[in-house]
Amino acid sequence: MSQELPHDKVAELREAFGLFDKNGDGTISASELAEVMKQMNQNPTQQEINDMIGEVDADGNGTIDFDEFVAMMTRHQSPAKITDAQLRTVFARVDTDNDGAIDGNGLYECINLLNVRVDDKVARLIEQTIHLCEQRVDLKNLRMLVAQLPAVDEEEDELAASFRMFDKNGDGSISKEELREVMASLGENLTEDDINAMLKEADNNNDNVISFEEFKAMMSHPGK
């Protein structure tokens, strides 16, 4: 799972994992999870801790290894599917001083770590939350924000996953080099003219990259 992600994304997840893996044994135990929650001024019950572990413990051994952690942090793109374990994890990652609150930049970082695509509507909701909280956003505020985020339908979720396959560096756009690389990996030996034609077909604003909206339009009307 982690091998499929950009190196900088893996590094971010390693850092977040290390916040929980206190003894450095490569797994997150129930007691380590509870310790981090307390540092965040959260006091979950033992059942809540067990439920959080159970959400991602694919092999059922009672702990979370790094691959399970990566799967938890990367598998859900639709806000409706984001789990409480994910919310707590990204909040702990961003709340570096453990005071139970983050600022506006921290909130945007949380949303980015949750892999939620930020369009104009989502950006307005984020800014509204920052304003109402006066730059002191706690975990409860983050939960409330995520609950308000528009749901992503399954078709768009699949398109987002396909888009990320092309967007190798995770900058939110597909460059000509990324397009060439993916097509080659799929066994398509396209000429430079072929690549340029594909880019031109999708690049409506002529900025020489393909945005997610342009990618959606291209996939909805292939060959147009």
Protein backbone atom coordinates (compact mmCIF):
# COMPACT_ATOMS: atom_id res chain seq x y z
CA MET A 1 0.00 0.00 0.00
CA SER A 2 2.66 2.56 1.06
CA GLN A 3 4.76 1.74 -2.03
CA GLU A 4 1.99 3.17 -4.22
CA LEU A 5 2.12 6.63 -2.60
CA PRO A 6 4.44 9.58 -3.33
CA HIS A 7 7.51 9.63 -1.08
CA ASP A 8 6.49 12.88 0.62
CA LYS A 9 3.07 11.42 1.47
CA VAL A 10 4.67 8.29 2.96
CA ALA A 11 7.00 10.50 5.01
CA GLU A 12 4.01 12.45 6.38
CA LEU A 13 2.26 9.23 7.32
CA ARG A 14 5.42 7.85 8.94
CA GLU A 15 5.63 10.97 11.08
CA ALA A 16 1.98 10.67 12.08
CA PHE A 17 2.40 6.95 12.82
CA GLY A 18 5.37 7.75 15.06
CA LEU A 19 3.20 10.02 17.22
CA PHE A 20 1.18 6.96 18.20
CA ASP A 21 3.86 4.26 18.18
CA LYS A 22 5.45 5.40 21.44
CA ASN A 23 7.74 2.40 21.98
CA GLY A 24 8.85 2.24 18.35
CA ASP A 25 7.96 -1.41 17.84
CA GLY A 26 6.22 -0.74 14.53
CA THR A 27 2.67 -1.14 15.81
CA ILE A 28 0.09 1.00 17.61
CA SER A 29 -1.41 -0.74 20.63
CA ALA A 30 -4.63 0.12 22.46
CA SER A 31 -2.65 1.64 25.33
CA GLU A 32 -0.57 3.81 22.96
CA LEU A 33 -3.72 4.99 21.21
CA ALA A 34 -5.32 5.85 24.57
CA GLU A 35 -2.19 7.76 25.63
CA VAL A 36 -2.26 9.98 22.54
CA MET A 37 -5.99 10.60 22.96
CA LYS A 38 -5.38 11.79 26.53
CA GLN A 39 -2.64 14.13 25.31
CA MET A 40 -5.28 15.61 23.00
CA ASN A 41 -7.56 16.19 26.01
CA GLN A 42 -9.79 13.37 24.76
CA ASN A 43 -10.94 10.68 27.18
CA PRO A 44 -12.39 7.82 25.13
CA THR A 45 -13.69 4.74 26.91
CA GLN A 46 -11.91 1.40 26.52
CA GLN A 47 -14.71 0.31 24.20
CA GLU A 48 -14.18 3.38 22.02
CA ILE A 49 -10.45 2.62 21.89
CA ASN A 50 -11.19 -0.99 20.94
CA ASP A 51 -13.61 0.20 18.25
CA MET A 52 -10.98 2.55 16.80
CA ILE A 53 -8.48 -0.33 16.65
CA GLY A 54 -11.10 -2.63 15.15
CA GLU A 55 -11.87 -0.17 12.34
CA VAL A 56 -8.46 -0.72 10.77
CA ASP A 57 -6.99 -3.90 12.29
CA ALA A 58 -7.18 -5.98 9.12
CA ASP A 59 -5.29 -9.00 10.48
CA GLY A 60 -7.17 -9.00 13.81
CA ASN A 61 -4.08 -9.06 16.04
CA GLY A 62 -5.28 -6.20 18.25
CA THR A 63 -2.74 -3.62 17.03
CA ILE A 64 -2.34 -1.32 14.02
CA ASP A 65 0.77 -1.78 11.86
CA PHE A 66 2.01 0.82 9.39
CA ASP A 67 0.30 -0.69 6.34
CA GLU A 68 -3.03 -0.79 8.21
CA PHE A 69 -2.44 2.81 9.28
CA VAL A 70 -1.74 3.84 5.67
CA ALA A 71 -4.87 2.02 4.50
CA MET A 72 -6.94 3.86 7.10
CA MET A 73 -5.53 7.24 6.12
CA THR A 74 -5.80 6.82 2.36
CA ARG A 75 -8.76 4.62 1.53
CA HIS A 76 -11.64 7.03 2.20
CA GLN A 77 -12.08 10.01 -0.08
CA SER A 78 -15.78 10.64 0.49
CA PRO A 79 -16.45 12.77 3.61
CA ALA A 80 -19.41 10.52 4.42
CA LYS A 81 -17.00 7.59 4.86
CA ILE A 82 -14.39 9.28 7.06
CA THR A 83 -14.09 7.45 10.37
CA ASP A 84 -13.60 8.91 13.83
CA ALA A 85 -10.25 7.14 14.02
CA GLN A 86 -9.10 9.08 10.95
CA LEU A 87 -10.30 12.37 12.43
CA ARG A 88 -8.48 11.76 15.72
CA THR A 89 -5.33 10.68 13.91
CA VAL A 90 -5.03 13.69 11.60
CA PHE A 91 -5.89 16.06 14.45
CA ALA A 92 -3.10 14.56 16.57
CA ARG A 93 -0.71 14.92 13.64
CA VAL A 94 -1.51 18.62 13.18
CA ASP A 95 -1.92 19.61 16.86
CA THR A 96 1.84 19.62 17.43
CA ASP A 97 1.71 21.39 20.81
CA ASN A 98 -1.03 19.06 22.13
CA ASP A 99 -3.18 21.93 23.40
CA GLY A 100 -6.35 20.52 21.84
CA ALA A 101 -6.73 23.23 19.19
CA ILE A 102 -5.40 24.08 15.73
CA ASP A 103 -5.46 27.26 13.63
CA GLY A 104 -6.87 27.82 10.15
CA ASN A 105 -3.78 26.52 8.38
CA GLY A 106 -3.94 23.44 10.56
CA LEU A 107 -7.55 22.85 9.57
CA TYR A 108 -6.64 22.96 5.88
CA GLU A 109 -3.81 20.51 6.62
CA CYS A 110 -6.28 18.16 8.33
CA ILE A 111 -8.60 18.25 5.33
CA ASN A 112 -5.65 17.56 3.03
CA LEU A 113 -4.50 14.61 5.16
CA LEU A 114 -8.03 13.23 5.01
CA ASN A 115 -7.75 13.28 1.20
CA VAL A 116 -10.86 15.42 0.82
CA ARG A 117 -10.82 17.34 -2.46
CA VAL A 118 -11.23 21.06 -1.71
CA ASP A 119 -13.56 22.74 -4.19
CA ASP A 120 -15.15 26.17 -3.76
CA LYS A 121 -17.97 24.85 -1.57
CA VAL A 122 -15.61 22.97 0.75
CA ALA A 123 -13.31 26.00 0.96
CA ARG A 124 -16.25 28.20 2.03
CA LEU A 125 -17.19 25.73 4.77
CA ILE A 126 -13.61 25.63 6.00
CA GLU A 127 -13.33 29.43 6.09
CA GLN A 128 -16.68 29.65 7.89
CA THR A 129 -15.46 27.21 10.54
CA ILE A 130 -12.21 29.14 11.01
CA HIS A 131 -14.13 32.40 11.43
CA LEU A 132 -16.64 30.98 13.92
CA CYS A 133 -13.90 29.36 15.99
CA GLU A 134 -11.65 32.44 15.87
CA GLN A 135 -8.65 30.37 14.73
CA ARG A 136 -9.08 27.89 17.63
CA VAL A 137 -10.46 24.76 16.01
CA ASP A 138 -10.82 21.71 18.26
CA LEU A 139 -11.60 18.09 17.43
CA LYS A 140 -15.32 18.66 17.94
CA ASN A 141 -15.23 21.52 15.41
CA LEU A 142 -13.39 19.29 12.93
CA ARG A 143 -16.07 16.61 13.33
CA MET A 144 -18.81 19.18 12.75
CA LEU A 145 -17.08 20.49 9.63
CA VAL A 146 -16.62 17.03 8.13
CA ALA A 147 -20.28 16.24 8.83
CA GLN A 148 -21.22 19.28 6.70
CA LEU A 149 -18.99 18.43 3.76
CA PRO A 150 -20.82 17.43 0.60
CA ALA A 151 -20.87 13.71 -0.06
CA VAL A 152 -18.92 12.43 -3.04
CA ASP A 153 -20.86 9.92 -5.11
CA GLU A 154 -19.29 6.58 -5.99
CA GLU A 155 -18.65 7.52 -9.62
CA GLU A 156 -16.77 10.67 -8.63
CA ASP A 157 -14.91 8.68 -5.96
CA GLU A 158 -13.69 6.28 -8.66
CA LEU A 159 -12.69 9.20 -10.89
CA ALA A 160 -10.74 10.73 -8.01
CA ALA A 161 -8.89 7.44 -7.52
CA SER A 162 -8.06 7.31 -11.24
CA PHE A 163 -6.92 10.94 -11.16
CA ARG A 164 -4.54 10.24 -8.26
CA MET A 165 -3.01 7.39 -10.29
CA PHE A 166 -1.95 9.98 -12.90
CA ASP A 167 -1.15 12.81 -10.45
CA LYS A 168 2.12 11.28 -9.25
CA ASN A 169 3.37 14.26 -7.24
CA GLY A 170 -0.01 14.98 -5.66
CA ASP A 171 -0.13 18.63 -6.72
CA GLY A 172 -3.73 18.43 -7.95
CA SER A 173 -2.97 18.40 -11.68
CA ILE A 174 -1.68 16.01 -14.33
CA SER A 175 1.37 17.22 -16.25
CA LYS A 176 2.49 16.00 -19.66
CA GLU A 177 5.31 14.05 -18.01
CA GLU A 178 2.91 12.34 -15.59
CA LEU A 179 0.54 11.50 -18.45
CA ARG A 180 3.40 10.00 -20.46
CA GLU A 181 4.64 7.98 -17.46
CA VAL A 182 1.26 6.43 -16.66
CA MET A 183 0.45 5.62 -20.28
CA ALA A 184 3.84 3.91 -20.62
CA SER A 185 3.20 1.88 -17.45
CA LEU A 186 -0.09 0.73 -19.02
CA GLY A 187 1.82 -0.54 -22.06
CA GLU A 188 0.83 2.37 -24.31
CA ASN A 189 3.87 3.49 -26.27
CA LEU A 190 2.55 6.84 -27.40
CA THR A 191 4.45 9.33 -29.51
CA GLU A 192 5.07 12.88 -28.38
CA ASP A 193 2.34 14.00 -30.78
CA ASP A 194 -0.10 11.52 -29.20
CA ILE A 195 0.66 12.85 -25.71
CA ASN A 196 0.31 16.46 -26.86
CA ALA A 197 -3.03 15.65 -28.50
CA MET A 198 -4.35 14.02 -25.31
CA LEU A 199 -3.26 17.00 -23.25
CA LYS A 200 -4.76 19.49 -25.69
CA GLU A 201 -8.07 17.61 -25.76
CA ALA A 202 -8.51 17.84 -21.99
CA ASP A 203 -6.76 21.14 -21.17
CA ASN A 204 -9.64 23.59 -21.53
CA ASN A 205 -7.87 26.58 -19.95
CA ASN A 206 -4.58 26.05 -21.82
CA ASP A 207 -2.35 25.97 -18.73
CA ASN A 208 -0.58 22.82 -20.01
CA VAL A 209 -1.84 20.59 -17.19
CA ILE A 210 -5.08 18.67 -16.60
CA SER A 211 -7.05 19.63 -13.48
CA PHE A 212 -9.49 17.26 -11.77
CA GLU A 213 -12.46 19.08 -13.31
CA GLU A 214 -10.88 18.77 -16.77
CA PHE A 215 -10.14 15.11 -16.09
CA LYS A 216 -13.79 14.52 -15.13
CA ALA A 217 -14.99 16.22 -18.30
CA MET A 218 -12.58 14.18 -20.41
CA MET A 219 -13.71 10.89 -18.83
CA SER A 220 -17.38 11.82 -19.15
CA HIS A 221 -17.03 12.63 -22.86
CA PRO A 222 -14.22 10.44 -24.22
CA GLY A 223 -13.11 11.29 -27.72
CA LYS A 224 -14.87 14.64 -27.72
